Amino acid sequence: MKCQNFIPVLSRRQLLQTSACGFGNVALASLLHQQAQAEKRNTIVESQIHPKPRAKRIIFLFMWGGPSQVDLFDPKPTLNKESGKPLSGKSVGSPRSQLGKVLASPFKFNQYGEGGVWISELFPHLSKHADKMCVVNSLHTNGTAHGEALLRLHTGNANLVRPSVGSWISYGLGSESENLPAFITVSPPRGHGGVQNYGSAFLPAIHQGMAIGSAETPIAKAKIPNLKNNRLDKSLQKSQLDFIQSLNRAHLKKLQKDRQVEGLIENYELAFNMQSTMPDIMDINQESQSILDLYGVGKKPTDNFARQCLLARKLAERGVRYIQVSTDYTWDTHQKNKAGHITESAKVDQPISALLTDLQQRGLLEDTLVLWGGEFGRTPTAENGDGRNHHPQVFSVWMAGGGVKGGFTYGTTDDFGYFPVENPVHMHDLHATLLHILGIDHLKLTYRHKGRDFRLTDVFGNVATDILA
């Protein structure tokens, strides 16, 4: 029997001799590959005409569960006047005859900063940054269930498996660092879409978000597996990597093009490089005590989210393009809306304020866009006594930093906060705007898959130019 794929057994000396000057050539090939990868960065965007970037990176502060817009950023005095009374659909333009009983907000609002941004008493620390904030009160989406809403927020679509926002940004802009992924998600949700919320889907594997921990696990206990090899020193690991990569590239050359093999090669290189950078980034004890106190590290109830926000700043410093930090699934206040919002706001208020302060004092806020929000809002009507139901019809998000107007409120809702009545912003519009701020035309950022050109905003999306600085 004749074997077509017979590979002769070579001695170590023969292998080195027949490898075109041995591992020196392998090392050179690795070096040339790294140079090629560096030159390839940004070619997706630079190959076409795109808008001038206003920011280099995004930090998304995700409030999993759906915070109540009428209790945080969109005050409605009519809720207090009409509390307990039935809300008819006709009064807000809904086809439904009855929408439930109106529920007043138990919280006081004040206007802050020169722009007069309305902020609830639940955010005393954040209110000091009102003139940095651009509050959008007219965002709306599709899907009343968490799973659908999370997928639309993170991928733009709940149909099929689509790349996440961070993956599209990684694909469009590449990474600013050879030692870190372009997209990192800290404490991501494991439910309501799970990995899809930071997956690359049909984009090359290198653009998948790297997850650190999960929303249900305290970030202090989260670890990145296999960052350190206690058996082999780094030089031997590098020799092994160079040899494996030479085989991978030889295999790829025969195939001419194979996305899985390309992704394997890129991920091998990145994983090795991360060993020298991530341990220091994960170690927040290197920070000064004043910084730890600023964020609220080591104190209840702020410790967990404080660590996440501090980690986000450290990743932003190192050139990560898209960073997401997430709360646990705790903003879903179907009952005890007042108590729930008091508890959850206290966890995040100081850390978010500290993040904005820290970014600004380090000169990073100018080219970093900070985005805050959930997958949808809450109803202005009551559920289970003093709870509020899911409300994708309209809700609030805010942005600060690179690219947006500070001390600015965009979009208005009706007297009950049920529907947008001025400058509505759909989720596709938000995504188009985020890409625009990073210097990407959402219409041109496409990827051909199964005979069709896909993009984050599908066939929709308009940039909300009025919010841009």
Protein backbone atom coordinates (compact mmCIF):
# COMPACT_ATOMS: atom_id res chain seq x y z
CA MET A 1 0.00 0.00 0.00
CA LYS A 2 1.40 3.34 -1.03
CA CYS A 3 1.08 6.23 1.39
CA GLN A 4 0.88 9.58 -0.39
CA ASN A 5 1.41 11.62 2.78
CA PHE A 6 4.44 9.78 4.15
CA ILE A 7 6.60 12.06 6.28
CA PRO A 8 10.15 10.84 6.97
CA VAL A 9 11.37 10.79 10.55
CA LEU A 10 14.19 13.29 10.95
CA SER A 11 16.69 13.65 13.71
CA ARG A 12 16.83 16.92 15.60
CA ARG A 13 20.02 17.90 13.71
CA GLN A 14 18.46 17.05 10.35
CA LEU A 15 15.35 19.00 11.20
CA LEU A 16 17.39 22.09 12.02
CA GLN A 17 19.53 21.74 8.93
CA THR A 18 16.59 21.29 6.58
CA SER A 19 14.63 24.16 8.03
CA ALA A 20 16.55 26.81 6.05
CA CYS A 21 19.11 27.69 8.70
CA GLY A 22 17.09 26.19 11.50
CA PHE A 23 15.08 28.11 14.04
CA GLY A 24 16.79 31.37 13.11
CA ASN A 25 14.68 31.31 9.97
CA VAL A 26 11.60 30.43 12.01
CA ALA A 27 12.25 33.42 14.24
CA LEU A 28 12.73 35.62 11.17
CA ALA A 29 9.47 34.33 9.70
CA SER A 30 7.73 35.15 12.97
CA LEU A 31 9.24 38.64 12.96
CA LEU A 32 8.21 39.26 9.36
CA HIS A 33 4.72 37.99 10.16
CA GLN A 34 4.44 40.42 13.07
CA GLN A 35 5.60 43.24 10.80
CA ALA A 36 3.03 42.25 8.19
CA GLN A 37 0.33 42.17 10.83
CA ALA A 38 1.33 45.65 12.01
CA GLU A 39 1.23 46.97 8.44
CA LYS A 40 -2.17 45.31 7.92
CA ARG A 41 -3.73 47.18 10.83
CA ASN A 42 -6.45 49.66 9.90
CA THR A 43 -6.52 48.60 6.24
CA ILE A 44 -10.25 47.83 6.42
CA VAL A 45 -11.00 51.46 7.23
CA GLU A 46 -8.03 53.14 5.54
CA SER A 47 -8.83 51.48 2.21
CA GLN A 48 -11.96 53.62 1.93
CA ILE A 49 -13.05 57.15 2.76
CA HIS A 50 -14.40 57.26 6.30
CA PRO A 51 -15.21 60.12 8.68
CA LYS A 52 -12.46 61.64 10.78
CA PRO A 53 -12.30 59.76 14.10
CA ARG A 54 -13.34 61.64 17.22
CA ALA A 55 -12.33 58.88 19.63
CA LYS A 56 -9.91 55.93 19.60
CA ARG A 57 -11.79 53.60 21.89
CA ILE A 58 -15.10 52.94 23.67
CA ILE A 59 -15.80 51.87 27.25
CA PHE A 60 -19.34 50.50 27.53
CA LEU A 61 -20.80 50.37 31.05
CA PHE A 62 -23.61 47.82 30.69
CA MET A 63 -26.39 47.80 33.28
CA TRP A 64 -27.84 44.31 32.79
CA GLY A 65 -31.57 44.05 33.39
CA GLY A 66 -32.84 47.44 32.23
CA PRO A 67 -32.59 50.57 34.45
CA SER A 68 -35.64 52.81 34.72
CA GLN A 69 -35.29 55.97 32.65
CA VAL A 70 -38.09 57.75 34.53
CA ASP A 71 -36.27 57.19 37.82
CA LEU A 72 -32.78 58.16 36.65
CA PHE A 73 -32.52 60.61 33.73
CA ASP A 74 -35.98 61.44 32.35
CA PRO A 75 -38.13 63.05 35.09
CA LYS A 76 -41.87 63.10 34.48
CA PRO A 77 -43.90 65.27 36.89
CA THR A 78 -47.08 63.90 35.31
CA LEU A 79 -46.31 60.50 36.82
CA ASN A 80 -46.60 62.02 40.28
CA LYS A 81 -49.81 63.86 39.42
CA GLU A 82 -51.46 60.81 37.85
CA SER A 83 -50.00 58.12 40.11
CA GLY A 84 -52.39 55.25 40.71
CA LYS A 85 -54.66 56.20 37.81
CA PRO A 86 -55.13 54.01 34.73
CA LEU A 87 -53.04 55.01 31.72
CA SER A 88 -54.99 54.68 28.49
CA GLY A 89 -53.20 53.84 25.31
CA LYS A 90 -54.93 56.70 23.54
CA SER A 91 -53.24 59.26 25.81
CA VAL A 92 -49.76 58.26 24.58
CA GLY A 93 -50.59 57.02 21.08
CA SER A 94 -50.51 53.29 21.82
CA PRO A 95 -52.90 50.88 20.06
CA ARG A 96 -53.51 49.15 23.39
CA SER A 97 -56.57 50.35 25.25
CA GLN A 98 -55.10 50.16 28.77
CA LEU A 99 -51.45 50.22 29.77
CA GLY A 100 -51.77 49.75 33.52
CA LYS A 101 -51.73 52.13 36.47
CA VAL A 102 -49.32 55.03 36.54
CA LEU A 103 -46.48 54.67 39.04
CA ALA A 104 -44.85 57.84 40.37
CA SER A 105 -41.09 58.03 40.71
CA PRO A 106 -40.10 58.08 44.41
CA PHE A 107 -36.89 59.96 43.59
CA LYS A 108 -36.11 63.66 43.33
CA PHE A 109 -34.43 65.14 40.27
CA ASN A 110 -32.24 68.20 39.87
CA GLN A 111 -30.59 69.92 36.95
CA TYR A 112 -26.80 69.92 37.03
CA GLY A 113 -24.02 71.78 35.25
CA GLU A 114 -24.24 74.61 32.77
CA GLY A 115 -26.24 72.40 30.44
CA GLY A 116 -28.93 71.72 33.03
CA VAL A 117 -28.84 67.94 32.65
CA TRP A 118 -31.53 66.22 34.70
CA ILE A 119 -30.10 63.57 37.02
CA SER A 120 -31.80 61.61 39.80
CA GLU A 121 -30.75 61.91 43.43
CA LEU A 122 -29.57 58.29 43.09
CA PHE A 123 -26.42 59.51 41.30
CA PRO A 124 -24.83 62.18 43.56
CA HIS A 125 -21.29 61.37 42.37
CA LEU A 126 -22.16 61.17 38.68
CA SER A 127 -24.03 64.48 38.83
CA LYS A 128 -20.68 66.26 39.30
CA HIS A 129 -19.86 65.27 35.71
CA ALA A 130 -23.06 66.62 34.15
CA ASP A 131 -21.19 68.92 31.79
CA LYS A 132 -19.31 65.94 30.36
CA MET A 133 -22.50 63.96 29.72
CA CYS A 134 -24.65 63.69 26.62
CA VAL A 135 -27.93 62.10 27.73
CA VAL A 136 -30.08 60.49 25.04
CA ASN A 137 -33.63 60.07 26.35
CA SER A 138 -35.18 58.81 23.11
CA LEU A 139 -33.45 55.49 22.45
CA HIS A 140 -35.76 52.67 21.44
CA THR A 141 -35.29 49.06 20.36
CA ASN A 142 -37.17 45.87 19.50
CA GLY A 143 -37.92 42.93 21.72
CA THR A 144 -39.56 42.91 25.15
CA ALA A 145 -37.58 39.88 26.33
CA HIS A 146 -34.07 40.25 27.75
CA GLY A 147 -32.54 37.73 25.35
CA GLU A 148 -33.70 39.48 22.21
CA ALA A 149 -32.94 42.94 23.58
CA LEU A 150 -29.40 41.98 24.65
CA LEU A 151 -28.63 40.52 21.25
CA ARG A 152 -29.92 43.64 19.52
CA LEU A 153 -27.84 45.82 21.83
CA HIS A 154 -24.68 43.77 21.42
CA THR A 155 -24.96 42.54 17.81
CA GLY A 156 -27.61 44.72 16.17
CA ASN A 157 -29.85 41.77 15.39
CA ALA A 158 -31.54 38.89 17.18
CA ASN A 159 -31.83 36.74 14.03
CA LEU A 160 -29.09 34.25 13.25
CA VAL A 161 -25.67 34.61 14.87
CA ARG A 162 -24.14 38.01 14.15
CA PRO A 163 -20.80 39.59 15.14
CA SER A 164 -20.88 41.79 18.23
CA VAL A 165 -20.22 45.53 18.22
CA GLY A 166 -16.73 45.07 19.64
CA SER A 167 -15.91 42.48 16.99
CA TRP A 168 -16.97 44.83 14.20
CA ILE A 169 -14.79 47.56 15.70
CA SER A 170 -11.86 45.17 15.99
CA TYR A 171 -12.37 44.11 12.37
CA GLY A 172 -12.59 47.70 11.17
CA LEU A 173 -9.77 49.27 13.15
CA GLY A 174 -7.55 46.44 14.30
CA SER A 175 -5.69 46.57 17.59
CA GLU A 176 -3.46 49.36 18.86
CA SER A 177 -1.40 46.77 20.74
CA GLU A 178 0.38 43.58 19.70
CA ASN A 179 0.06 42.31 23.26
CA LEU A 180 -3.66 42.71 23.87
CA PRO A 181 -6.90 41.95 22.02
CA ALA A 182 -8.76 44.84 20.46
CA PHE A 183 -11.94 43.79 22.31
CA ILE A 184 -12.18 42.76 25.97
CA THR A 185 -15.37 42.21 27.96
CA VAL A 186 -15.17 42.25 31.76
CA SER A 187 -17.73 40.19 33.72
CA PRO A 188 -20.00 39.54 30.71
CA PRO A 189 -23.50 38.05 31.09
CA ARG A 190 -23.61 34.27 30.69
CA GLY A 191 -27.34 34.35 30.00
CA HIS A 192 -29.55 36.16 27.47
CA GLY A 193 -27.32 35.39 24.49
CA GLY A 194 -24.19 34.54 26.45
CA VAL A 195 -21.13 34.21 24.24
CA GLN A 196 -23.02 35.66 21.26
CA ASN A 197 -22.92 39.03 23.00
CA TYR A 198 -19.15 39.18 22.50
CA GLY A 199 -18.67 36.65 19.72
CA SER A 200 -17.18 37.28 16.29
CA ALA A 201 -19.65 34.97 14.47
CA PHE A 202 -18.50 34.82 10.83
CA LEU A 203 -15.76 37.44 11.23
CA PRO A 204 -12.21 36.07 11.65
CA ALA A 205 -11.67 34.53 15.08
CA ILE A 206 -9.09 37.11 16.14
CA HIS A 207 -11.94 39.64 16.49
CA GLN A 208 -13.85 37.74 19.17
CA GLY A 209 -14.00 39.51 22.51
CA MET A 210 -11.81 38.11 25.28
CA ALA A 211 -13.90 37.53 28.40
CA ILE A 212 -12.57 38.12 31.90
CA GLY A 213 -14.79 36.39 34.45
CA SER A 214 -18.58 36.59 34.27
CA ALA A 215 -21.29 38.87 35.64
CA GLU A 216 -22.16 36.41 38.41
CA THR A 217 -18.55 36.10 39.62
CA PRO A 218 -16.84 38.85 41.66
CA ILE A 219 -14.12 40.31 39.46
CA ALA A 220 -11.60 39.94 42.32
CA LYS A 221 -11.90 36.16 41.86
CA ALA A 222 -11.85 36.18 38.07
CA LYS A 223 -8.76 34.78 36.39
CA ILE A 224 -7.52 34.42 32.84
CA PRO A 225 -6.53 30.75 32.46
CA ASN A 226 -3.11 29.67 31.20
CA LEU A 227 -1.48 33.09 31.53
CA LYS A 228 1.53 31.53 33.20
CA ASN A 229 3.37 28.27 32.51
CA ASN A 230 5.04 27.05 35.69
CA ARG A 231 6.86 24.21 33.91
CA LEU A 232 8.58 25.93 31.00
CA ASP A 233 10.52 29.19 30.86
CA LYS A 234 9.55 31.85 28.35
CA SER A 235 12.44 31.25 25.94
CA LEU A 236 11.52 27.59 25.54
CA GLN A 237 7.85 28.49 25.10
CA LYS A 238 8.86 30.96 22.38
CA SER A 239 10.89 28.30 20.58
CA GLN A 240 7.93 25.95 20.69
CA LEU A 241 5.61 28.67 19.43
CA ASP A 242 7.92 29.59 16.54
CA PHE A 243 8.12 25.98 15.45
CA ILE A 244 4.36 25.40 15.69
CA GLN A 245 3.65 28.63 13.82
CA SER A 246 6.07 27.67 11.04
CA LEU A 247 4.08 24.48 10.55
CA ASN A 248 0.80 26.39 10.66
CA ARG A 249 2.02 28.85 8.02
CA ALA A 250 3.29 26.08 5.82
CA HIS A 251 -0.10 24.44 6.05
CA LEU A 252 -1.81 27.75 5.32
CA LYS A 253 0.41 28.28 2.27
CA LYS A 254 -0.81 24.99 0.81
CA LEU A 255 -4.42 25.92 1.47
CA GLN A 256 -3.79 29.46 0.18
CA LYS A 257 -6.66 30.78 2.31
CA ASP A 258 -8.33 29.30 5.36
CA ARG A 259 -9.91 31.59 7.95
CA GLN A 260 -9.74 29.00 10.70
CA VAL A 261 -6.02 28.46 10.26
CA GLU A 262 -5.43 32.22 9.94
CA GLY A 263 -7.34 32.76 13.17
CA LEU A 264 -5.37 30.00 14.87
CA ILE A 265 -2.06 31.62 13.90
CA GLU A 266 -3.11 35.06 15.06
CA ASN A 267 -4.52 33.79 18.34
CA TYR A 268 -1.36 31.79 19.10
CA GLU A 269 0.72 34.94 18.73
CA LEU A 270 -1.66 37.05 20.80
CA ALA A 271 -1.95 34.46 23.57
CA PHE A 272 1.83 34.29 23.92
CA ASN A 273 2.22 38.07 23.97
CA MET A 274 -0.52 38.46 26.58
CA GLN A 275 1.56 36.54 29.11
CA SER A 276 3.80 39.58 29.51
CA THR A 277 1.06 42.21 29.78
CA MET A 278 -2.11 40.86 31.39
CA PRO A 279 -0.71 39.92 34.83
CA ASP A 280 0.29 43.54 35.48
CA ILE A 281 -3.03 44.86 34.18
CA MET A 282 -5.03 42.46 36.34
CA ASP A 283 -3.05 43.44 39.44
CA ILE A 284 -4.79 46.59 40.67
CA ASN A 285 -2.69 46.62 43.84
CA GLN A 286 -0.08 48.48 41.80
CA GLU A 287 -2.39 51.48 41.87
CA SER A 288 -1.98 54.18 44.52
CA GLN A 289 -4.24 54.14 47.56
CA SER A 290 -5.74 57.45 46.47
CA ILE A 291 -6.88 55.88 43.18
CA LEU A 292 -8.30 52.81 44.95
CA ASP A 293 -10.20 55.11 47.32
CA LEU A 294 -11.42 57.24 44.43
CA TYR A 295 -13.07 54.23 42.78
CA GLY A 296 -14.32 52.69 46.04
CA VAL A 297 -12.15 49.55 45.93
CA GLY A 298 -12.33 47.55 49.15
CA LYS A 299 -15.56 49.15 50.29
CA LYS A 300 -19.15 48.03 50.14
CA PRO A 301 -21.20 48.26 48.02
CA THR A 302 -18.79 49.66 45.43
CA ASP A 303 -15.88 47.19 45.49
CA ASN A 304 -16.85 44.88 42.62
CA PHE A 305 -17.84 47.51 40.07
CA ALA A 306 -14.98 49.74 41.23
CA ARG A 307 -12.51 47.01 40.29
CA GLN A 308 -14.19 46.58 36.92
CA CYS A 309 -14.05 50.30 36.11
CA LEU A 310 -10.42 50.55 37.23
CA LEU A 311 -9.57 47.57 35.03
CA ALA A 312 -11.36 49.30 32.13
CA ARG A 313 -9.14 52.36 32.57
CA LYS A 314 -6.00 50.22 32.61
CA LEU A 315 -7.09 48.44 29.42
CA ALA A 316 -7.87 51.77 27.77
CA GLU A 317 -4.36 52.97 28.60
CA ARG A 318 -2.89 49.91 26.88
CA GLY A 319 -4.75 50.45 23.61
CA VAL A 320 -7.78 48.15 23.79
CA ARG A 321 -10.36 49.46 21.30
CA TYR A 322 -13.61 48.26 22.87
CA ILE A 323 -13.99 47.52 26.56
CA GLN A 324 -17.24 46.43 28.16
CA VAL A 325 -17.93 46.09 31.86
CA SER A 326 -21.22 44.65 33.08
CA THR A 327 -23.24 44.54 36.25
CA ASP A 328 -24.99 41.38 37.32
CA TYR A 329 -28.61 40.78 36.25
CA THR A 330 -29.87 43.05 39.02
CA TRP A 331 -31.59 46.02 37.32
CA ASP A 332 -34.65 43.91 36.42
CA THR A 333 -37.05 45.49 38.93
CA HIS A 334 -40.40 43.81 38.25
CA GLN A 335 -41.06 44.42 41.91
CA LYS A 336 -39.57 46.71 44.54
CA ASN A 337 -38.42 49.16 41.91
CA LYS A 338 -37.52 51.79 44.53
CA ALA A 339 -35.42 49.48 46.70
CA GLY A 340 -33.79 47.87 43.67
CA HIS A 341 -32.71 51.16 42.13
CA ILE A 342 -31.37 52.46 45.42
CA THR A 343 -29.25 49.32 45.82
CA GLU A 344 -27.96 49.12 42.26
CA SER A 345 -27.22 52.83 41.88
CA ALA A 346 -25.14 52.80 45.07
CA LYS A 347 -22.97 50.04 43.59
CA VAL A 348 -22.05 51.93 40.42
CA ASP A 349 -22.36 55.67 41.10
CA GLN A 350 -18.95 56.28 42.71
CA PRO A 351 -16.98 53.90 40.43
CA ILE A 352 -18.42 55.49 37.27
CA SER A 353 -17.70 58.98 38.57
CA ALA A 354 -14.16 57.90 39.42
CA LEU A 355 -13.66 56.45 35.95
CA LEU A 356 -14.60 59.76 34.32
CA THR A 357 -12.33 61.66 36.70
CA ASP A 358 -9.43 59.26 36.21
CA LEU A 359 -9.71 59.24 32.42
CA GLN A 360 -9.78 63.02 32.34
CA GLN A 361 -6.81 63.55 34.62
CA ARG A 362 -4.76 61.12 32.51
CA GLY A 363 -5.71 62.83 29.27
CA LEU A 364 -7.68 59.81 28.06
CA LEU A 365 -11.24 61.14 28.16
CA GLU A 366 -10.68 63.31 25.12
CA ASP A 367 -10.27 60.27 22.87
CA THR A 368 -12.31 57.74 24.88
CA LEU A 369 -16.08 57.50 24.52
CA VAL A 370 -17.80 56.24 27.66
CA LEU A 371 -21.26 54.77 27.06
CA TRP A 372 -23.72 53.88 29.84
CA GLY A 373 -27.00 51.97 29.43
CA GLY A 374 -29.06 48.80 29.57
CA GLU A 375 -30.85 46.66 27.01
CA PHE A 376 -34.14 48.55 27.51
CA GLY A 377 -35.90 50.71 30.11
CA ARG A 378 -38.86 50.29 32.45
CA THR A 379 -42.55 51.13 32.10
CA PRO A 380 -44.00 54.29 33.64
CA THR A 381 -46.78 52.02 34.90
CA ALA A 382 -46.78 49.68 37.87
CA GLU A 383 -46.25 45.95 38.00
CA ASN A 384 -46.49 43.80 41.12
CA GLY A 385 -47.29 46.76 43.32
CA ASP A 386 -44.25 49.04 43.08
CA GLY A 387 -42.35 47.32 40.29
CA ARG A 388 -41.93 48.27 36.62
CA ASN A 389 -42.03 46.03 33.54
CA HIS A 390 -39.70 45.88 30.51
CA HIS A 391 -39.97 48.88 28.20
CA PRO A 392 -38.14 48.82 24.83
CA GLN A 393 -40.38 51.59 23.45
CA VAL A 394 -38.08 54.28 24.87
CA PHE A 395 -35.26 54.52 27.39
CA SER A 396 -32.18 56.54 28.30
CA VAL A 397 -28.46 56.10 27.73
CA TRP A 398 -25.68 58.60 28.18
CA MET A 399 -22.25 59.15 26.68
CA ALA A 400 -19.25 61.17 27.79
CA GLY A 401 -15.85 61.99 26.42
CA GLY A 402 -14.51 61.77 22.89
CA GLY A 403 -16.79 62.97 20.18
CA VAL A 404 -19.99 64.04 21.94
CA LYS A 405 -21.39 67.28 23.30
CA GLY A 406 -21.14 67.67 27.06
CA GLY A 407 -23.96 69.03 29.23
CA PHE A 408 -26.39 68.09 26.48
CA THR A 409 -29.73 66.28 26.45
CA TYR A 410 -31.04 64.83 23.20
CA GLY A 411 -34.53 63.54 22.46
CA THR A 412 -37.72 63.98 24.42
CA THR A 413 -40.55 61.68 25.45
CA ASP A 414 -44.25 62.20 26.10
CA ASP A 415 -45.56 63.35 29.47
CA PHE A 416 -45.53 59.79 30.78
CA GLY A 417 -42.18 58.72 29.33
CA TYR A 418 -43.87 56.04 27.25
CA PHE A 419 -42.83 56.93 23.67
CA PRO A 420 -40.26 59.25 22.08
CA VAL A 421 -41.83 62.39 20.61
CA GLU A 422 -38.74 64.27 19.42
CA ASN A 423 -35.49 63.00 17.86
CA PRO A 424 -36.09 59.27 18.32
CA VAL A 425 -32.90 57.17 18.18
CA HIS A 426 -33.18 53.51 17.23
CA MET A 427 -30.60 50.95 18.35
CA HIS A 428 -29.29 50.85 14.76
CA ASP A 429 -28.83 54.62 14.92
CA LEU A 430 -26.86 54.29 18.15
CA HIS A 431 -24.56 51.72 16.56
CA ALA A 432 -24.11 53.88 13.46
CA THR A 433 -23.20 56.81 15.70
CA LEU A 434 -20.68 54.80 17.75
CA LEU A 435 -18.90 53.68 14.58
CA HIS A 436 -18.95 57.23 13.21
CA ILE A 437 -17.30 58.55 16.38
CA LEU A 438 -14.51 55.99 15.90
CA GLY A 439 -14.05 57.11 12.31
CA ILE A 440 -16.01 54.33 10.60
CA ASP A 441 -18.79 54.79 8.07
CA HIS A 442 -21.30 52.11 9.10
CA LEU A 443 -22.43 51.77 5.48
CA LYS A 444 -18.93 50.79 4.37
CA LEU A 445 -17.94 48.45 7.18
CA THR A 446 -19.11 45.23 5.54
CA TYR A 447 -18.13 41.58 5.46
CA ARG A 448 -19.17 39.15 2.76
CA HIS A 449 -20.60 35.93 4.17
CA LYS A 450 -22.58 33.26 2.33
CA GLY A 451 -23.05 35.45 -0.72
CA ARG A 452 -24.25 38.53 1.12
CA ASP A 453 -22.58 41.68 2.46
CA PHE A 454 -23.32 42.00 6.18
CA ARG A 455 -22.86 45.04 8.41
CA LEU A 456 -23.57 45.86 12.04
CA THR A 457 -26.54 48.09 11.21
CA ASP A 458 -27.90 45.71 8.54
CA VAL A 459 -29.87 47.90 6.09
CA PHE A 460 -30.72 50.53 8.69
CA GLY A 461 -29.04 53.19 10.80
CA ASN A 462 -28.56 56.96 10.77
CA VAL A 463 -25.83 58.86 12.59
CA ALA A 464 -27.22 61.16 15.31
CA THR A 465 -25.11 64.10 14.14
CA ASP A 466 -26.72 66.57 16.57
CA ILE A 467 -25.01 64.96 19.54
CA LEU A 468 -21.53 65.26 18.05
CA ALA A 469 -19.20 67.94 19.37
